[in-house]
Amino acid sequence: MTIEAIPPLANVGAAPLAMQIGPVTSPPAVEQAAGGFGAMLMNGLGAVNAKLENADALVRRFAVDENVPVHHVTMALEEARLSLELAMQVRGRLVEGYRELMNMQL
């Protein structure tokens, strides 16, 4: 994302403000959201899965005594638990919203 320079205020009286600003374009967030809502959800689930795999790998390394500090394992497990809990909350809200839409009278 790039930020364009703001035109100087000295030229404000010379042309209408719309001509000084330039053409109206869509916001960058809309252009970047080409993947859509499904892609955003899949990226989130991928991140949760990566945290779970990282915690699992740390637990395995800790179990075979590869000099992994216990606080690293604890933090990774807690981060994975919180990520999974958040994903479950999001899923619950999406299902609740879907059911609400299906029960609407047209």
Protein backbone atom coordinates (compact mmCIF):
# COMPACT_ATOMS: atom_id res chain seq x y z
CA MET A 1 0.00 0.00 0.00
CA THR A 2 1.36 3.38 -0.93
CA ILE A 3 0.47 6.77 0.47
CA GLU A 4 0.24 9.63 -1.99
CA ALA A 5 1.40 13.10 -1.09
CA ILE A 6 -1.21 15.70 -0.17
CA PRO A 7 -1.24 18.59 -2.64
CA PRO A 8 -0.12 21.97 -1.23
CA LEU A 9 -2.87 24.30 0.01
CA ALA A 10 -1.57 27.23 -2.04
CA ASN A 11 -3.31 25.92 -5.19
CA VAL A 12 -6.73 25.42 -3.60
CA GLY A 13 -8.33 28.41 -5.30
CA ALA A 14 -6.97 27.52 -8.75
CA ALA A 15 -9.07 24.40 -9.41
CA PRO A 16 -11.97 22.62 -7.78
CA LEU A 17 -10.98 20.35 -4.92
CA ALA A 18 -12.09 17.19 -6.76
CA MET A 19 -9.68 17.95 -9.59
CA GLN A 20 -6.79 18.52 -7.16
CA ILE A 21 -7.29 15.25 -5.30
CA GLY A 22 -7.48 13.14 -8.45
CA PRO A 23 -9.79 10.39 -9.58
CA VAL A 24 -11.80 8.49 -7.05
CA THR A 25 -10.55 4.93 -6.64
CA SER A 26 -11.65 2.02 -4.56
CA PRO A 27 -9.94 1.62 -1.19
CA PRO A 28 -6.92 -0.70 -1.09
CA ALA A 29 -8.63 -3.03 1.39
CA VAL A 30 -11.31 -3.84 -1.20
CA GLU A 31 -8.69 -4.58 -3.84
CA GLN A 32 -6.75 -6.87 -1.49
CA ALA A 33 -9.90 -8.73 -0.46
CA ALA A 34 -10.17 -10.37 -3.89
CA GLY A 35 -9.84 -13.77 -2.22
CA GLY A 36 -13.02 -13.12 -0.32
CA PHE A 37 -14.37 -14.14 3.03
CA GLY A 38 -13.70 -17.84 2.50
CA ALA A 39 -10.02 -17.19 1.82
CA MET A 40 -9.78 -15.10 4.99
CA LEU A 41 -11.31 -17.95 7.01
CA MET A 42 -8.98 -20.51 5.47
CA ASN A 43 -5.96 -18.31 6.26
CA GLY A 44 -7.13 -18.05 9.86
CA LEU A 45 -7.60 -21.80 10.14
CA GLY A 46 -4.17 -22.32 8.63
CA ALA A 47 -2.65 -20.07 11.30
CA VAL A 48 -4.46 -21.99 14.05
CA ASN A 49 -3.24 -25.26 12.58
CA ALA A 50 0.34 -23.95 12.46
CA LYS A 51 0.17 -23.00 16.15
CA LEU A 52 -1.17 -26.43 17.07
CA GLU A 53 1.58 -28.16 15.09
CA ASN A 54 4.23 -25.95 16.69
CA ALA A 55 2.94 -26.76 20.18
CA ASP A 56 2.82 -30.47 19.34
CA ALA A 57 6.40 -30.39 18.04
CA LEU A 58 7.61 -28.62 21.18
CA VAL A 59 5.87 -31.15 23.42
CA ARG A 60 7.48 -34.02 21.50
CA ARG A 61 10.93 -32.39 21.73
CA PHE A 62 10.41 -31.75 25.45
CA ALA A 63 9.35 -35.38 25.98
CA VAL A 64 12.56 -36.73 24.47
CA ASP A 65 14.66 -34.21 26.42
CA GLU A 66 16.06 -32.03 23.65
CA ASN A 67 16.79 -29.19 26.08
CA VAL A 68 13.54 -27.35 25.40
CA PRO A 69 12.68 -25.02 28.30
CA VAL A 70 9.39 -25.85 29.97
CA HIS A 71 8.18 -22.26 29.75
CA HIS A 72 8.46 -22.36 25.93
CA VAL A 73 6.31 -25.48 25.85
CA THR A 74 3.77 -23.96 28.23
CA MET A 75 3.54 -20.73 26.24
CA ALA A 76 3.15 -22.59 22.93
CA LEU A 77 0.43 -24.82 24.39
CA GLU A 78 -1.46 -21.86 25.82
CA GLU A 79 -1.17 -19.90 22.56
CA ALA A 80 -2.48 -22.92 20.63
CA ARG A 81 -5.34 -23.38 23.11
CA LEU A 82 -6.36 -19.73 22.87
CA SER A 83 -6.17 -19.77 19.07
CA LEU A 84 -8.34 -22.87 18.91
CA GLU A 85 -10.82 -21.39 21.40
CA LEU A 86 -11.07 -18.22 19.30
CA ALA A 87 -11.62 -20.29 16.13
CA MET A 88 -14.42 -22.20 17.88
CA GLN A 89 -16.03 -18.92 18.99
CA VAL A 90 -15.89 -17.59 15.42
CA ARG A 91 -17.39 -20.83 14.12
CA GLY A 92 -20.19 -20.64 16.67
CA ARG A 93 -21.01 -17.06 15.72
CA LEU A 94 -21.01 -17.91 12.01
CA VAL A 95 -23.34 -20.87 12.55
CA GLU A 96 -25.61 -18.73 14.73
CA GLY A 97 -25.73 -16.02 12.05
CA TYR A 98 -26.46 -18.58 9.34
CA ARG A 99 -29.32 -20.07 11.36
CA GLU A 100 -30.71 -16.60 11.98
CA LEU A 101 -30.66 -15.87 8.24
CA MET A 102 -32.35 -19.18 7.45
CA ASN A 103 -35.15 -18.49 9.95
CA MET A 104 -35.96 -15.04 8.51
CA GLN A 105 -39.36 -14.59 6.89
CA LEU A 106 -39.31 -13.18 3.38
